């Protein structure tokens, strides 16, 4: 969570409503793996327009 907070600050901040909605979206996923902080991170960074570095 701390790393996620650092990334969001580096991206210029994030409205609390975005964070709440991202967790709601993640909680609504049927696959258990999608309920992780990693999934929430991906949602938030996409919404903020931050390009994610993906592993090959």
PDB file of N, CA and C in Angstrom:
ATOM      1  N   UNK A   1       0.828  -1.190   0.000  1.00  0.00           N
ATOM      2  CA  UNK A   1       0.000   0.000   0.000  1.00  0.00           C
ATOM      3  C   UNK A   1       0.870   1.251   0.000  1.00  0.00           C
ATOM      4  N   UNK A   2       1.979   1.205   0.737  1.00  0.00           N
ATOM      5  CA  UNK A   2       2.858   2.370   0.784  1.00  0.00           C
ATOM      6  C   UNK A   2       3.431   2.656  -0.602  1.00  0.00           C
ATOM      7  N   UNK A   3       3.829   1.606  -1.322  1.00  0.00           N
ATOM      8  CA  UNK A   3       4.356   1.798  -2.671  1.00  0.00           C
ATOM      9  C   UNK A   3       3.295   2.381  -3.594  1.00  0.00           C
ATOM     10  N   UNK A   4       2.062   1.930  -3.442  1.00  0.00           N
ATOM     11  CA  UNK A   4       0.962   2.465  -4.238  1.00  0.00           C
ATOM     12  C   UNK A   4       0.768   3.941  -3.934  1.00  0.00           C
ATOM     13  N   UNK A   5       0.809   4.300  -2.664  1.00  0.00           N
ATOM     14  CA  UNK A   5       0.670   5.708  -2.277  1.00  0.00           C
ATOM     15  C   UNK A   5       1.786   6.545  -2.885  1.00  0.00           C
ATOM     16  N   UNK A   6       3.014   6.035  -2.863  1.00  0.00           N
ATOM     17  CA  UNK A   6       4.141   6.761  -3.454  1.00  0.00           C
ATOM     18  C   UNK A   6       3.942   6.955  -4.956  1.00  0.00           C
ATOM     19  N   UNK A   7       3.467   5.922  -5.634  1.00  0.00           N
ATOM     20  CA  UNK A   7       3.229   6.029  -7.074  1.00  0.00           C
ATOM     21  C   UNK A   7       2.150   7.060  -7.390  1.00  0.00           C
ATOM     22  N   UNK A   8       1.094   7.069  -6.586  1.00  0.00           N
ATOM     23  CA  UNK A   8       0.003   8.017  -6.821  1.00  0.00           C
ATOM     24  C   UNK A   8       0.466   9.448  -6.588  1.00  0.00           C
ATOM     25  N   UNK A   9       1.272   9.665  -5.562  1.00  0.00           N
ATOM     26  CA  UNK A   9       1.815  10.999  -5.306  1.00  0.00           C
ATOM     27  C   UNK A   9       2.714  11.418  -6.465  1.00  0.00           C
ATOM     28  N   UNK A  10       3.562  10.506  -6.936  1.00  0.00           N
ATOM     29  CA  UNK A  10       4.457  10.809  -8.052  1.00  0.00           C
ATOM     30  C   UNK A  10       3.677  11.119  -9.322  1.00  0.00           C
ATOM     31  N   UNK A  11       2.495  10.545  -9.451  1.00  0.00           N
ATOM     32  CA  UNK A  11       1.662  10.780 -10.634  1.00  0.00           C
ATOM     33  C   UNK A  11       0.876  12.080 -10.526  1.00  0.00           C
ATOM     34  N   UNK A  12       1.060  12.798  -9.430  1.00  0.00           N
ATOM     35  CA  UNK A  12       0.375  14.077  -9.274  1.00  0.00           C
ATOM     36  C   UNK A  12      -0.811  14.017  -8.338  1.00  0.00           C
ATOM     37  N   UNK A  13      -0.955  12.904  -7.653  1.00  0.00           N
ATOM     38  CA  UNK A  13      -2.064  12.767  -6.714  1.00  0.00           C
ATOM     39  C   UNK A  13      -3.242  12.062  -7.344  1.00  0.00           C
ATOM     40  N   UNK A  14      -4.171  11.724  -6.494  1.00  0.00           N
ATOM     41  CA  UNK A  14      -5.335  10.977  -6.944  1.00  0.00           C
ATOM     42  C   UNK A  14      -6.497  11.309  -6.026  1.00  0.00           C
ATOM     43  N   UNK A  15      -7.648  11.657  -6.577  1.00  0.00           N
ATOM     44  CA  UNK A  15      -8.807  11.920  -5.727  1.00  0.00           C
ATOM     45  C   UNK A  15      -9.210  10.670  -4.934  1.00  0.00           C
ATOM     46  N   UNK A  16      -9.637  10.871  -3.713  1.00  0.00           N
ATOM     47  CA  UNK A  16     -10.073   9.762  -2.875  1.00  0.00           C
ATOM     48  C   UNK A  16     -11.205   8.983  -3.540  1.00  0.00           C
ATOM     49  N   UNK A  17     -12.041   9.662  -4.285  1.00  0.00           N
ATOM     50  CA  UNK A  17     -13.148   8.972  -4.963  1.00  0.00           C
ATOM     51  C   UNK A  17     -12.628   7.939  -5.963  1.00  0.00           C
ATOM     52  N   UNK A  18     -11.494   8.220  -6.620  1.00  0.00           N
ATOM     53  CA  UNK A  18     -10.895   7.255  -7.546  1.00  0.00           C
ATOM     54  C   UNK A  18     -10.478   5.999  -6.785  1.00  0.00           C
ATOM     55  N   UNK A  19      -9.865   6.201  -5.621  1.00  0.00           N
ATOM     56  CA  UNK A  19      -9.385   5.067  -4.835  1.00  0.00           C
ATOM     57  C   UNK A  19     -10.556   4.208  -4.379  1.00  0.00           C
ATOM     58  N   UNK A  20     -11.591   4.849  -3.884  1.00  0.00           N
ATOM     59  CA  UNK A  20     -12.778   4.100  -3.450  1.00  0.00           C
ATOM     60  C   UNK A  20     -13.381   3.308  -4.609  1.00  0.00           C
ATOM     61  N   UNK A  21     -13.523   3.949  -5.754  1.00  0.00           N
ATOM     62  CA  UNK A  21     -14.131   3.288  -6.910  1.00  0.00           C
ATOM     63  C   UNK A  21     -13.261   2.132  -7.404  1.00  0.00           C
ATOM     64  N   UNK A  22     -11.948   2.301  -7.378  1.00  0.00           N
ATOM     65  CA  UNK A  22     -11.052   1.226  -7.815  1.00  0.00           C
ATOM     66  C   UNK A  22     -11.183   0.007  -6.908  1.00  0.00           C
ATOM     67  N   UNK A  23     -11.273   0.232  -5.592  1.00  0.00           N
ATOM     68  CA  UNK A  23     -11.457  -0.895  -4.677  1.00  0.00           C
ATOM     69  C   UNK A  23     -12.826  -1.535  -4.877  1.00  0.00           C
ATOM     70  N   UNK A  24     -13.854  -0.737  -5.161  1.00  0.00           N
ATOM     71  CA  UNK A  24     -15.183  -1.299  -5.439  1.00  0.00           C
ATOM     72  C   UNK A  24     -15.140  -2.174  -6.686  1.00  0.00           C
ATOM     73  N   UNK A  25     -14.461  -1.673  -7.722  1.00  0.00           N
ATOM     74  CA  UNK A  25     -14.369  -2.439  -8.966  1.00  0.00           C
ATOM     75  C   UNK A  25     -13.614  -3.745  -8.736  1.00  0.00           C
ATOM     76  N   UNK A  26     -12.522  -3.677  -7.999  1.00  0.00           N
ATOM     77  CA  UNK A  26     -11.742  -4.881  -7.717  1.00  0.00           C
ATOM     78  C   UNK A  26     -12.556  -5.877  -6.899  1.00  0.00           C
ATOM     79  N   UNK A  27     -13.334  -5.402  -5.952  1.00  0.00           N
ATOM     80  CA  UNK A  27     -14.153  -6.286  -5.116  1.00  0.00           C
ATOM     81  C   UNK A  27     -15.251  -6.956  -5.925  1.00  0.00           C
ATOM     82  N   UNK A  28     -15.667  -6.343  -7.014  1.00  0.00           N
ATOM     83  CA  UNK A  28     -16.723  -6.901  -7.845  1.00  0.00           C
ATOM     84  C   UNK A  28     -16.247  -7.968  -8.808  1.00  0.00           C
ATOM     85  N   UNK A  29     -14.948  -8.167  -8.916  1.00  0.00           N
ATOM     86  CA  UNK A  29     -14.407  -9.176  -9.820  1.00  0.00           C
ATOM     87  C   UNK A  29     -14.612 -10.561  -9.227  1.00  0.00           C
ATOM     88  N   UNK A  30     -14.932 -11.520 -10.073  1.00  0.00           N
ATOM     89  CA  UNK A  30     -15.183 -12.878  -9.597  1.00  0.00           C
ATOM     90  C   UNK A  30     -13.900 -13.634  -9.300  1.00  0.00           C
ATOM     91  N   UNK A  31     -12.867 -13.375 -10.086  1.00  0.00           N
ATOM     92  CA  UNK A  31     -11.608 -14.084  -9.862  1.00  0.00           C
ATOM     93  C   UNK A  31     -10.934 -13.536  -8.614  1.00  0.00           C
ATOM     94  N   UNK A  32     -10.531 -14.435  -7.740  1.00  0.00           N
ATOM     95  CA  UNK A  32      -9.919 -14.034  -6.476  1.00  0.00           C
ATOM     96  C   UNK A  32      -8.651 -13.218  -6.706  1.00  0.00           C
ATOM     97  N   UNK A  33      -7.872 -13.563  -7.720  1.00  0.00           N
ATOM     98  CA  UNK A  33      -6.607 -12.879  -7.973  1.00  0.00           C
ATOM     99  C   UNK A  33      -6.808 -11.405  -8.316  1.00  0.00           C
ATOM    100  N   UNK A  34      -8.001 -11.047  -8.776  1.00  0.00           N
ATOM    101  CA  UNK A  34      -8.257  -9.667  -9.165  1.00  0.00           C
ATOM    102  C   UNK A  34      -8.630  -8.793  -7.980  1.00  0.00           C
ATOM    103  N   UNK A  35      -8.670  -9.345  -6.790  1.00  0.00           N
ATOM    104  CA  UNK A  35      -9.013  -8.564  -5.610  1.00  0.00           C
ATOM    105  C   UNK A  35      -7.763  -8.039  -4.914  1.00  0.00           C
ATOM    106  N   UNK A  36      -6.643  -8.105  -5.579  1.00  0.00           N
ATOM    107  CA  UNK A  36      -5.387  -7.713  -4.959  1.00  0.00           C
ATOM    108  C   UNK A  36      -5.112  -6.220  -5.122  1.00  0.00           C
ATOM    109  N   UNK A  37      -4.207  -5.737  -4.311  1.00  0.00           N
ATOM    110  CA  UNK A  37      -3.778  -4.344  -4.412  1.00  0.00           C
ATOM    111  C   UNK A  37      -3.145  -4.097  -5.777  1.00  0.00           C
ATOM    112  N   UNK A  38      -2.514  -5.106  -6.342  1.00  0.00           N
ATOM    113  CA  UNK A  38      -1.897  -4.971  -7.660  1.00  0.00           C
ATOM    114  C   UNK A  38      -2.942  -4.615  -8.720  1.00  0.00           C
ATOM    115  N   UNK A  39      -4.114  -5.230  -8.627  1.00  0.00           N
ATOM    116  CA  UNK A  39      -5.190  -4.932  -9.567  1.00  0.00           C
ATOM    117  C   UNK A  39      -5.708  -3.510  -9.362  1.00  0.00           C
ATOM    118  N   UNK A  40      -5.880  -3.113  -8.096  1.00  0.00           N
ATOM    119  CA  UNK A  40      -6.324  -1.750  -7.789  1.00  0.00           C
ATOM    120  C   UNK A  40      -5.302  -0.747  -8.314  1.00  0.00           C
ATOM    121  N   UNK A  41      -4.020  -1.044  -8.146  1.00  0.00           N
ATOM    122  CA  UNK A  41      -2.952  -0.179  -8.658  1.00  0.00           C
ATOM    123  C   UNK A  41      -3.095   0.002 -10.168  1.00  0.00           C
ATOM    124  N   UNK A  42      -3.321  -1.089 -10.869  1.00  0.00           N
ATOM    125  CA  UNK A  42      -3.466  -1.025 -12.323  1.00  0.00           C
ATOM    126  C   UNK A  42      -4.651  -0.153 -12.721  1.00  0.00           C
ATOM    127  N   UNK A  43      -5.768  -0.313 -12.026  1.00  0.00           N
ATOM    128  CA  UNK A  43      -6.951   0.497 -12.319  1.00  0.00           C
ATOM    129  C   UNK A  43      -6.646   1.977 -12.133  1.00  0.00           C
ATOM    130  N   UNK A  44      -6.078   2.315 -10.976  1.00  0.00           N
ATOM    131  CA  UNK A  44      -5.816   3.726 -10.668  1.00  0.00           C
ATOM    132  C   UNK A  44      -4.826   4.346 -11.642  1.00  0.00           C
ATOM    133  N   UNK A  45      -3.740   3.645 -11.935  1.00  0.00           N
ATOM    134  CA  UNK A  45      -2.745   4.209 -12.847  1.00  0.00           C
ATOM    135  C   UNK A  45      -3.317   4.377 -14.251  1.00  0.00           C
ATOM    136  N   UNK A  46      -4.167   3.448 -14.675  1.00  0.00           N
ATOM    137  CA  UNK A  46      -4.824   3.605 -15.978  1.00  0.00           C
ATOM    138  C   UNK A  46      -5.714   4.839 -15.989  1.00  0.00           C
ATOM    139  N   UNK A  47      -6.510   5.022 -14.935  1.00  0.00           N
ATOM    140  CA  UNK A  47      -7.402   6.177 -14.858  1.00  0.00           C
ATOM    141  C   UNK A  47      -6.625   7.489 -14.838  1.00  0.00           C
ATOM    142  N   UNK A  48      -5.431   7.464 -14.236  1.00  0.00           N
ATOM    143  CA  UNK A  48      -4.613   8.680 -14.158  1.00  0.00           C
ATOM    144  C   UNK A  48      -3.786   8.896 -15.419  1.00  0.00           C
ATOM    145  N   UNK A  49      -3.820   7.932 -16.333  1.00  0.00           N
ATOM    146  CA  UNK A  49      -3.078   8.066 -17.577  1.00  0.00           C
ATOM    147  C   UNK A  49      -1.596   7.803 -17.428  1.00  0.00           C
ATOM    148  N   UNK A  50      -1.211   7.071 -16.390  1.00  0.00           N
ATOM    149  CA  UNK A  50       0.192   6.753 -16.145  1.00  0.00           C
ATOM    150  C   UNK A  50       0.506   5.431 -16.827  1.00  0.00           C
ATOM    151  N   UNK A  51       1.543   5.445 -17.664  1.00  0.00           N
ATOM    152  CA  UNK A  51       1.927   4.225 -18.358  1.00  0.00           C
ATOM    153  C   UNK A  51       2.561   3.262 -17.363  1.00  0.00           C
ATOM    154  N   UNK A  52       2.076   2.043 -17.370  1.00  0.00           N
ATOM    155  CA  UNK A  52       2.614   1.029 -16.465  1.00  0.00           C
ATOM    156  C   UNK A  52       3.715   0.254 -17.155  1.00  0.00           C
ATOM    157  N   UNK A  53       4.734  -0.093 -16.403  1.00  0.00           N
ATOM    158  CA  UNK A  53       5.812  -0.939 -16.912  1.00  0.00           C
ATOM    159  C   UNK A  53       5.401  -2.376 -16.638  1.00  0.00           C
ATOM    160  N   UNK A  54       5.275  -3.139 -17.696  1.00  0.00           N
ATOM    161  CA  UNK A  54       4.817  -4.525 -17.555  1.00  0.00           C
ATOM    162  C   UNK A  54       5.983  -5.475 -17.759  1.00  0.00           C
ATOM    163  N   UNK A  55       5.966  -6.536 -17.004  1.00  0.00           N
ATOM    164  CA  UNK A  55       7.009  -7.556 -17.132  1.00  0.00           C
ATOM    165  C   UNK A  55       6.840  -8.281 -18.464  1.00  0.00           C
ATOM    166  N   UNK A  56       7.959  -8.646 -19.089  1.00  0.00           N
ATOM    167  CA  UNK A  56       7.876  -9.360 -20.375  1.00  0.00           C
ATOM    168  C   UNK A  56       7.333 -10.754 -20.240  1.00  0.00           C
TER     169      UNK A  56
END
